[in-house]
């Protein structure tokens, strides 16, 4: 199945884009999408940070199941005072 991974600023893929389609096995989860090489490289600089995940604009946890055609958004958790 194919899902779209969307990164929100300051996260970006190596080519500068904020969207990538990734191919995953049926029954894959948000966590599986996070383990794809493009996503791992994009998140490396912020590895210790906390992330928020959304599946088709609905907040979910890493164990949320994905379906073909869905979008997974990865958002760096806002910090500050």
Protein backbone atom coordinates (compact mmCIF):
# COMPACT_ATOMS: atom_id res chain seq x y z
CA UNK A 1 0.00 0.00 0.00
CA UNK A 2 1.09 3.58 -0.53
CA UNK A 3 0.76 6.36 2.04
CA UNK A 4 1.87 9.97 1.92
CA UNK A 5 4.14 11.25 4.67
CA UNK A 6 3.90 14.99 5.30
CA UNK A 7 6.52 16.79 7.36
CA UNK A 8 5.81 20.12 9.03
CA UNK A 9 8.45 22.83 9.48
CA UNK A 10 11.27 22.61 10.48
CA UNK A 11 11.30 18.99 9.25
CA UNK A 12 12.07 18.45 5.56
CA UNK A 13 13.12 15.56 3.36
CA UNK A 14 16.64 15.57 1.92
CA UNK A 15 15.45 17.09 -1.36
CA UNK A 16 13.75 19.96 0.51
CA UNK A 17 10.21 18.68 -0.01
CA UNK A 18 7.66 18.23 2.72
CA UNK A 19 5.74 15.31 1.12
CA UNK A 20 6.85 11.81 0.14
CA UNK A 21 4.91 8.73 -0.88
CA UNK A 22 6.13 5.57 0.82
CA UNK A 23 5.21 1.97 0.12
CA UNK A 24 4.32 -0.13 3.16
CA UNK A 25 3.03 -3.64 3.70
CA UNK A 26 -0.71 -4.05 4.33
CA UNK A 27 -1.47 -3.68 8.04
CA UNK A 28 1.35 -1.18 8.55
CA UNK A 29 1.24 1.39 11.34
CA UNK A 30 2.41 4.98 11.75
CA UNK A 31 5.53 3.55 13.41
CA UNK A 32 6.27 1.52 10.26
CA UNK A 33 6.08 4.71 8.19
CA UNK A 34 8.51 6.38 10.61
CA UNK A 35 11.04 3.60 9.98
CA UNK A 36 11.27 4.17 6.23
CA UNK A 37 14.69 5.50 5.14
CA UNK A 38 13.42 8.88 3.88
CA UNK A 39 11.64 9.60 7.15
CA UNK A 40 14.46 8.36 9.40
CA UNK A 41 16.94 10.71 7.69
CA UNK A 42 14.54 13.65 7.92
CA UNK A 43 13.95 13.21 11.64
CA UNK A 44 17.58 12.45 12.61
CA UNK A 45 18.44 16.02 13.64
CA UNK A 46 15.42 16.12 15.97
CA UNK A 47 15.66 12.56 17.27
CA UNK A 48 15.35 13.54 20.94
CA UNK A 49 12.34 15.76 20.34
CA UNK A 50 8.70 14.81 20.85
CA UNK A 51 6.48 14.40 17.81
CA UNK A 52 2.77 14.61 17.16
CA UNK A 53 1.34 12.25 14.55
CA UNK A 54 -1.84 12.70 12.55
CA UNK A 55 -3.54 10.27 10.17
CA UNK A 56 -5.70 12.17 7.70
CA UNK A 57 -5.74 15.21 10.05
CA UNK A 58 -6.74 13.20 13.15
CA UNK A 59 -4.19 12.89 15.96
CA UNK A 60 -3.04 9.30 16.51
CA UNK A 61 -0.39 7.29 18.32
CA UNK A 62 2.46 5.42 16.65
CA UNK A 63 0.54 2.14 16.74
CA UNK A 64 -2.36 3.47 14.63
CA UNK A 65 -3.07 1.31 11.58
CA UNK A 66 -2.75 2.84 8.13
CA UNK A 67 -4.75 2.24 4.97
CA UNK A 68 -3.79 2.71 1.36
CA UNK A 69 -3.95 6.35 0.29
CA UNK A 70 -3.86 7.89 3.76
CA UNK A 71 -1.61 10.77 4.79
CA UNK A 72 0.59 10.62 7.88
CA UNK A 73 1.61 14.03 9.19
CA UNK A 74 4.65 14.40 11.43
CA UNK A 75 4.76 17.53 13.52
CA UNK A 76 7.52 18.59 15.89
CA UNK A 77 5.89 19.23 19.25
CA UNK A 78 5.88 22.97 20.00
CA UNK A 79 8.09 24.05 22.88
CA UNK A 80 8.78 27.30 24.62
CA UNK A 81 7.18 29.52 27.13
